[in-house]
Protein backbone atom coordinates (compact mmCIF):
# COMPACT_ATOMS: atom_id res chain seq x y z
CA UNK A 1 -12.22 -3.49 17.77
CA UNK A 2 -10.42 -7.60 18.35
CA UNK A 3 -12.60 -9.40 15.88
CA UNK A 4 -12.15 -6.40 13.76
CA UNK A 5 -8.81 -6.56 13.34
CA UNK A 6 -9.11 -10.61 13.05
CA UNK A 7 -11.03 -10.20 9.65
CA UNK A 8 -8.65 -7.67 8.74
CA UNK A 9 -5.77 -9.85 8.77
CA UNK A 10 -8.07 -12.65 7.67
CA UNK A 11 -8.60 -11.08 4.50
CA UNK A 12 -4.78 -10.13 3.65
CA UNK A 13 -3.63 -14.08 4.82
CA UNK A 14 -6.30 -15.03 1.67
CA UNK A 15 -5.64 -12.13 -0.43
CA UNK A 16 -1.96 -10.98 -0.02
CA UNK A 17 -1.24 -7.68 -1.98
CA UNK A 18 0.44 -8.15 -5.07
CA UNK A 19 -1.15 -11.58 -6.16
CA UNK A 20 0.94 -15.14 -6.59
CA UNK A 21 3.64 -15.88 -9.03
CA UNK A 22 7.58 -15.89 -9.30
CA UNK A 23 8.86 -13.50 -6.51
CA UNK A 24 11.15 -11.40 -8.72
CA UNK A 25 8.56 -10.98 -11.56
CA UNK A 26 6.63 -9.33 -9.05
CA UNK A 27 8.76 -7.12 -7.85
CA UNK A 28 9.56 -6.09 -11.41
CA UNK A 29 5.86 -5.26 -12.11
CA UNK A 30 5.58 -3.61 -9.07
CA UNK A 31 8.57 -1.34 -9.64
CA UNK A 32 6.78 -0.75 -13.43
CA UNK A 33 3.08 0.10 -12.06
CA UNK A 34 3.77 1.98 -8.95
CA UNK A 35 7.12 3.66 -9.68
CA UNK A 36 6.14 6.91 -7.80
CA UNK A 37 7.03 4.92 -4.79
CA UNK A 38 10.42 3.87 -5.89
CA UNK A 39 11.37 7.67 -7.27
CA UNK A 40 10.33 8.69 -3.27
CA UNK A 41 11.94 5.97 -1.44
CA UNK A 42 15.07 6.53 -3.25
CA UNK A 43 18.67 6.17 -2.22
CA UNK A 44 19.36 9.46 -1.25
CA UNK A 45 16.53 9.22 1.28
CA UNK A 46 17.18 5.71 3.23
CA UNK A 47 21.33 5.51 2.39
CA UNK A 48 22.67 4.01 6.10
CA UNK A 49 19.38 4.73 7.80
CA UNK A 50 17.46 2.05 10.07
CA UNK A 51 14.56 2.14 8.32
CA UNK A 52 10.95 0.59 9.49
CA UNK A 53 8.05 -0.49 7.02
CA UNK A 54 4.77 -0.58 8.60
CA UNK A 55 2.34 -2.87 6.20
CA UNK A 56 5.05 -4.80 4.66
CA UNK A 57 2.88 -7.10 2.93
CA UNK A 58 5.29 -9.70 0.68
CA UNK A 59 8.14 -7.33 1.34
CA UNK A 60 8.57 -5.74 -2.36
CA UNK A 61 9.30 -1.99 -1.42
CA UNK A 62 12.10 -3.08 1.89
CA UNK A 63 13.48 -5.29 -1.26
CA UNK A 64 14.25 -2.53 -2.84
CA UNK A 65 14.99 -0.29 0.14
CA UNK A 66 17.71 -2.69 0.88
CA UNK A 67 19.82 -2.18 -1.43
CA UNK A 68 20.99 1.04 0.34
CA UNK A 69 19.97 1.05 3.61
CA UNK A 70 21.80 -0.02 7.06
CA UNK A 71 19.04 -1.93 7.52
CA UNK A 72 15.42 -2.75 7.33
CA UNK A 73 12.68 -4.05 8.96
CA UNK A 74 8.74 -4.83 7.75
CA UNK A 75 5.78 -6.08 9.94
CA UNK A 76 2.56 -6.91 8.38
CA UNK A 77 -0.88 -8.16 10.06
CA UNK A 78 -0.50 -10.98 7.78
CA UNK A 79 1.99 -14.04 8.61
CA UNK A 80 1.64 -15.39 5.22
CA UNK A 81 2.66 -12.23 3.69
CA UNK A 82 5.52 -12.28 6.04
CA UNK A 83 6.29 -15.84 5.15
CA UNK A 84 6.79 -14.80 1.47
CA UNK A 85 8.29 -12.01 2.13
CA UNK A 86 10.94 -13.74 3.60
CA UNK A 87 11.58 -16.31 1.32
CA UNK A 88 11.86 -13.61 -1.29
CA UNK A 89 14.52 -11.80 1.08
CA UNK A 90 16.77 -15.47 1.21
CA UNK A 91 16.22 -15.88 -2.79
CA UNK A 92 17.28 -12.71 -3.60
CA UNK A 93 20.16 -12.70 -0.97
CA UNK A 94 19.20 -9.62 1.07
CA UNK A 95 20.70 -9.86 4.54
CA UNK A 96 19.88 -6.79 5.45
CA UNK A 97 16.38 -6.70 5.93
CA UNK A 98 14.00 -8.66 8.17
CA UNK A 99 10.09 -9.25 8.46
CA UNK A 100 7.90 -9.67 11.47
CA UNK A 101 4.82 -10.45 11.74
CA UNK A 102 2.96 -7.23 13.74
CA UNK A 103 0.33 -4.53 14.40
CA UNK A 104 0.36 -1.57 13.17
CA UNK A 105 -1.45 -0.13 15.74
CA UNK A 106 1.15 -1.81 18.52
CA UNK A 107 4.22 -1.77 16.96
CA UNK A 108 6.64 -3.80 19.53
CA UNK A 109 9.64 -1.45 19.21
CA UNK A 110 10.90 0.83 21.83
CA UNK A 111 10.85 4.70 21.20
CA UNK A 112 12.92 6.97 19.20
CA UNK A 113 14.83 4.48 17.13
CA UNK A 114 14.38 4.42 13.42
CA UNK A 115 15.41 6.78 10.78
CA UNK A 116 13.02 6.17 8.72
CA UNK A 117 9.39 4.99 8.77
CA UNK A 118 6.85 4.20 5.51
CA UNK A 119 3.85 2.63 4.60
CA UNK A 120 2.18 2.38 1.51
CA UNK A 121 -1.11 2.09 1.38
CA UNK A 122 -2.07 0.61 4.26
CA UNK A 123 -3.12 2.66 7.26
CA UNK A 124 -6.00 3.58 5.34
CA UNK A 125 -6.97 -0.13 5.68
CA UNK A 126 -6.72 -0.10 9.16
CA UNK A 127 -9.15 -0.01 12.67
CA UNK A 128 -7.64 3.12 13.61
CA UNK A 129 -5.84 4.80 11.36
CA UNK A 130 -4.61 7.74 13.85
CA UNK A 131 -3.07 5.79 16.35
CA UNK A 132 -1.06 3.63 13.41
CA UNK A 133 0.20 7.35 12.59
CA UNK A 134 1.00 8.12 16.36
CA UNK A 135 2.93 4.79 16.45
CA UNK A 136 5.12 5.48 13.60
CA UNK A 137 5.82 9.23 15.35
CA UNK A 138 6.38 7.31 18.67
CA UNK A 139 8.96 5.03 17.05
CA UNK A 140 11.17 7.79 15.31
CA UNK A 141 14.13 9.40 16.30
CA UNK A 142 14.00 12.96 16.25
CA UNK A 143 14.37 14.87 13.31
CA UNK A 144 13.37 11.06 11.53
CA UNK A 145 11.04 11.23 8.15
CA UNK A 146 7.92 9.24 8.01
CA UNK A 147 6.82 8.71 4.23
CA UNK A 148 2.85 7.27 4.32
CA UNK A 149 0.53 7.14 1.59
CA UNK A 150 -3.28 7.21 2.05
CA UNK A 151 -6.36 7.29 -0.10
CA UNK A 152 -7.46 10.71 -1.20
CA UNK A 153 -11.21 12.28 -0.73
CA UNK A 154 -13.08 13.70 -3.53
CA UNK A 155 -10.76 12.33 -6.54
CA UNK A 156 -12.25 10.74 -9.38
CA UNK A 157 -11.10 7.59 -8.84
CA UNK A 158 -12.22 7.49 -4.78
CA UNK A 159 -15.30 8.38 -5.43
CA UNK A 160 -16.04 5.81 -7.98
CA UNK A 161 -14.74 3.20 -5.58
CA UNK A 162 -17.17 4.19 -2.38
CA UNK A 163 -19.69 4.13 -5.23
CA UNK A 164 -19.26 0.77 -5.74
CA UNK A 165 -18.61 -0.74 -2.37
CA UNK A 166 -21.60 0.79 -1.19
CA UNK A 167 -23.41 -0.64 -3.95
CA UNK A 168 -21.45 -3.74 -3.27
CA UNK A 169 -22.52 -4.12 0.48
CA UNK A 170 -26.43 -3.56 -0.54
CA UNK A 171 -26.41 -6.64 -2.91
CA UNK A 172 -24.39 -8.60 0.21
CA UNK A 173 -27.43 -7.60 2.33
CA UNK A 174 -29.80 -8.78 -0.17
CA UNK A 175 -28.39 -11.52 -0.96
CA UNK A 176 -27.24 -12.81 2.49
CA UNK A 177 -23.70 -13.41 0.70
CA UNK A 178 -20.57 -11.74 -0.47
CA UNK A 179 -21.70 -11.89 -3.63
CA UNK A 180 -19.10 -9.05 -4.88
CA UNK A 181 -16.10 -10.58 -3.28
CA UNK A 182 -16.89 -14.33 -3.53
CA UNK A 183 -18.58 -13.74 -6.76
CA UNK A 184 -17.27 -11.41 -9.30
CA UNK A 185 -13.87 -10.85 -8.00
CA UNK A 186 -12.91 -14.61 -7.44
CA UNK A 187 -14.29 -15.62 -11.00
CA UNK A 188 -12.32 -12.24 -12.34
CA UNK A 189 -9.06 -13.24 -11.13
CA UNK A 190 -9.20 -17.39 -11.92
CA UNK A 191 -9.82 -15.98 -15.66
CA UNK A 192 -6.54 -14.37 -15.41
CA UNK A 193 -2.88 -15.88 -17.01
CA UNK A 194 0.01 -17.22 -14.65
CA UNK A 195 2.10 -14.25 -14.19
CA UNK A 196 1.81 -10.61 -12.53
CA UNK A 197 -1.48 -8.66 -12.62
CA UNK A 198 -1.75 -7.30 -9.12
CA UNK A 199 -4.38 -7.42 -6.72
CA UNK A 200 -5.84 -3.70 -7.03
CA UNK A 201 -9.66 -4.33 -7.36
CA UNK A 202 -9.36 -7.01 -3.82
CA UNK A 203 -7.54 -4.14 -2.57
CA UNK A 204 -10.21 -1.57 -3.21
CA UNK A 205 -13.27 -3.52 -3.08
CA UNK A 206 -12.87 -6.90 -1.02
CA UNK A 207 -10.96 -5.47 1.96
CA UNK A 208 -12.85 -5.01 5.00
CA UNK A 209 -12.26 -1.28 6.16
CA UNK A 210 -11.03 1.22 3.22
CA UNK A 211 -11.15 4.92 4.39
CA UNK A 212 -10.30 8.21 2.17
CA UNK A 213 -8.76 11.85 3.61
CA UNK A 214 -8.81 15.16 2.86
CA UNK A 215 -5.48 17.42 2.86
CA UNK A 216 -7.29 19.36 5.69
CA UNK A 217 -8.24 15.95 7.25
CA UNK A 218 -4.49 15.02 7.06
CA UNK A 219 -2.90 18.17 7.97
CA UNK A 220 -4.87 17.30 11.74
CA UNK A 221 -3.46 13.86 11.86
CA UNK A 222 0.32 14.62 11.42
CA UNK A 223 -0.08 17.96 13.36
CA UNK A 224 2.46 16.27 16.26
CA UNK A 225 4.96 16.48 13.50
CA UNK A 226 6.73 19.48 12.60
CA UNK A 227 7.47 19.40 8.87
CA UNK A 228 4.83 17.93 6.43
CA UNK A 229 5.28 17.97 2.80
CA UNK A 230 1.98 16.25 0.58
CA UNK A 231 2.18 15.13 -2.93
CA UNK A 232 -0.84 13.92 -4.88
CA UNK A 233 -0.04 10.63 -7.33
CA UNK A 234 -1.38 8.00 -9.62
CA UNK A 235 -4.59 9.29 -10.84
CA UNK A 236 -5.61 5.82 -12.25
CA UNK A 237 -5.76 5.98 -16.11
CA UNK A 238 -2.75 4.37 -16.96
CA UNK A 239 -3.61 1.03 -14.35
CA UNK A 240 -6.86 0.20 -16.49
CA UNK A 241 -4.57 -1.38 -18.79
CA UNK A 242 -4.29 -4.20 -16.06
CA UNK A 243 -8.09 -4.91 -16.74
CA UNK A 244 -8.45 -4.03 -20.21
CA UNK A 245 -5.75 -5.61 -22.31
CA UNK A 246 -6.61 -3.78 -25.62
CA UNK A 247 -5.30 -1.05 -23.76
CA UNK A 248 -1.75 -2.06 -23.68
CA UNK A 249 -1.08 -1.27 -27.38
CA UNK A 250 2.17 1.26 -27.82
CA UNK A 251 0.56 4.41 -28.67
CA UNK A 252 -2.87 4.13 -26.26
CA UNK A 253 -0.33 3.26 -23.38
CA UNK A 254 1.51 6.12 -23.97
CA UNK A 255 -1.45 8.19 -23.72
CA UNK A 256 -2.78 7.10 -20.16
CA UNK A 257 0.91 7.71 -18.72
CA UNK A 258 0.65 10.90 -20.05
CA UNK A 259 -2.54 11.69 -18.53
CA UNK A 260 -1.62 10.14 -15.49
CA UNK A 261 1.91 12.40 -15.07
CA UNK A 262 -0.23 15.93 -16.40
CA UNK A 263 -3.39 15.22 -14.15
CA UNK A 264 -1.75 13.70 -10.73
CA UNK A 265 -2.35 16.74 -8.81
CA UNK A 266 -6.17 16.93 -9.88
CA UNK A 267 -6.80 13.53 -9.84
CA UNK A 268 -4.49 12.18 -8.71
CA UNK A 269 -6.03 8.66 -5.91
CA UNK A 270 -2.93 8.58 -3.50
CA UNK A 271 -1.61 11.35 -1.03
CA UNK A 272 2.12 11.08 -0.05
CA UNK A 273 3.17 12.54 3.15
CA UNK A 274 6.49 13.48 3.74
CA UNK A 275 6.77 14.51 7.99
CA UNK A 276 9.95 15.06 9.97
CA UNK A 277 9.46 13.99 13.52
């Protein structure tokens, strides 16, 4: 388990979620492409609350939440990402947020400490997702709220992702090297112009661990909580614009955004779980 966790940390140190470039530009880009996150983690939810982000990456969500929260702490297994997050908070003069290196499965905080704990697209990349959820439950105050995003099983984007990962693993086994990660993905990102374009391909196909869950599985995993609300988001049609530039023309872009909005319940790749302790 330790070796696996070290491999996860190594991957995210080498492939920080959100990529590189000017911090404010990346923050703006993620708000535009992952807008549902910023609608859910809104002022009404976090105002004057003590918040923890599990898996903060480079801090883009917690920087946003800090506009209203009393205090925000973000932890991440990637020390490189935490360094960038702290640099970003200094550049943006955010005094009520702090970022620390930490393990989602072993949170170094007392019981019943936080009003809100959120984790966006992280726990499905950890060795033991259930342990991460249990730790979130532990550090939440009574009546506190967990807001967790996890990948959805049995949806179109999820099934395509699983198929490509299996094909990639087979090619790697035959070739004896990481053909997909060190070959195709590196060449793809090397050709991208400077600026923000995200790291979705690395997150889906390069990361060592990727799990998806059914709604039934989620209800079991969050059974310690007394209230659970589960919604679906982002089928992924609009994200095609990140990889196929011609789709960014106005009418095609608007059409893809419309398809994403109207089919999210049926095809959404992201579960968002709101659970009260």
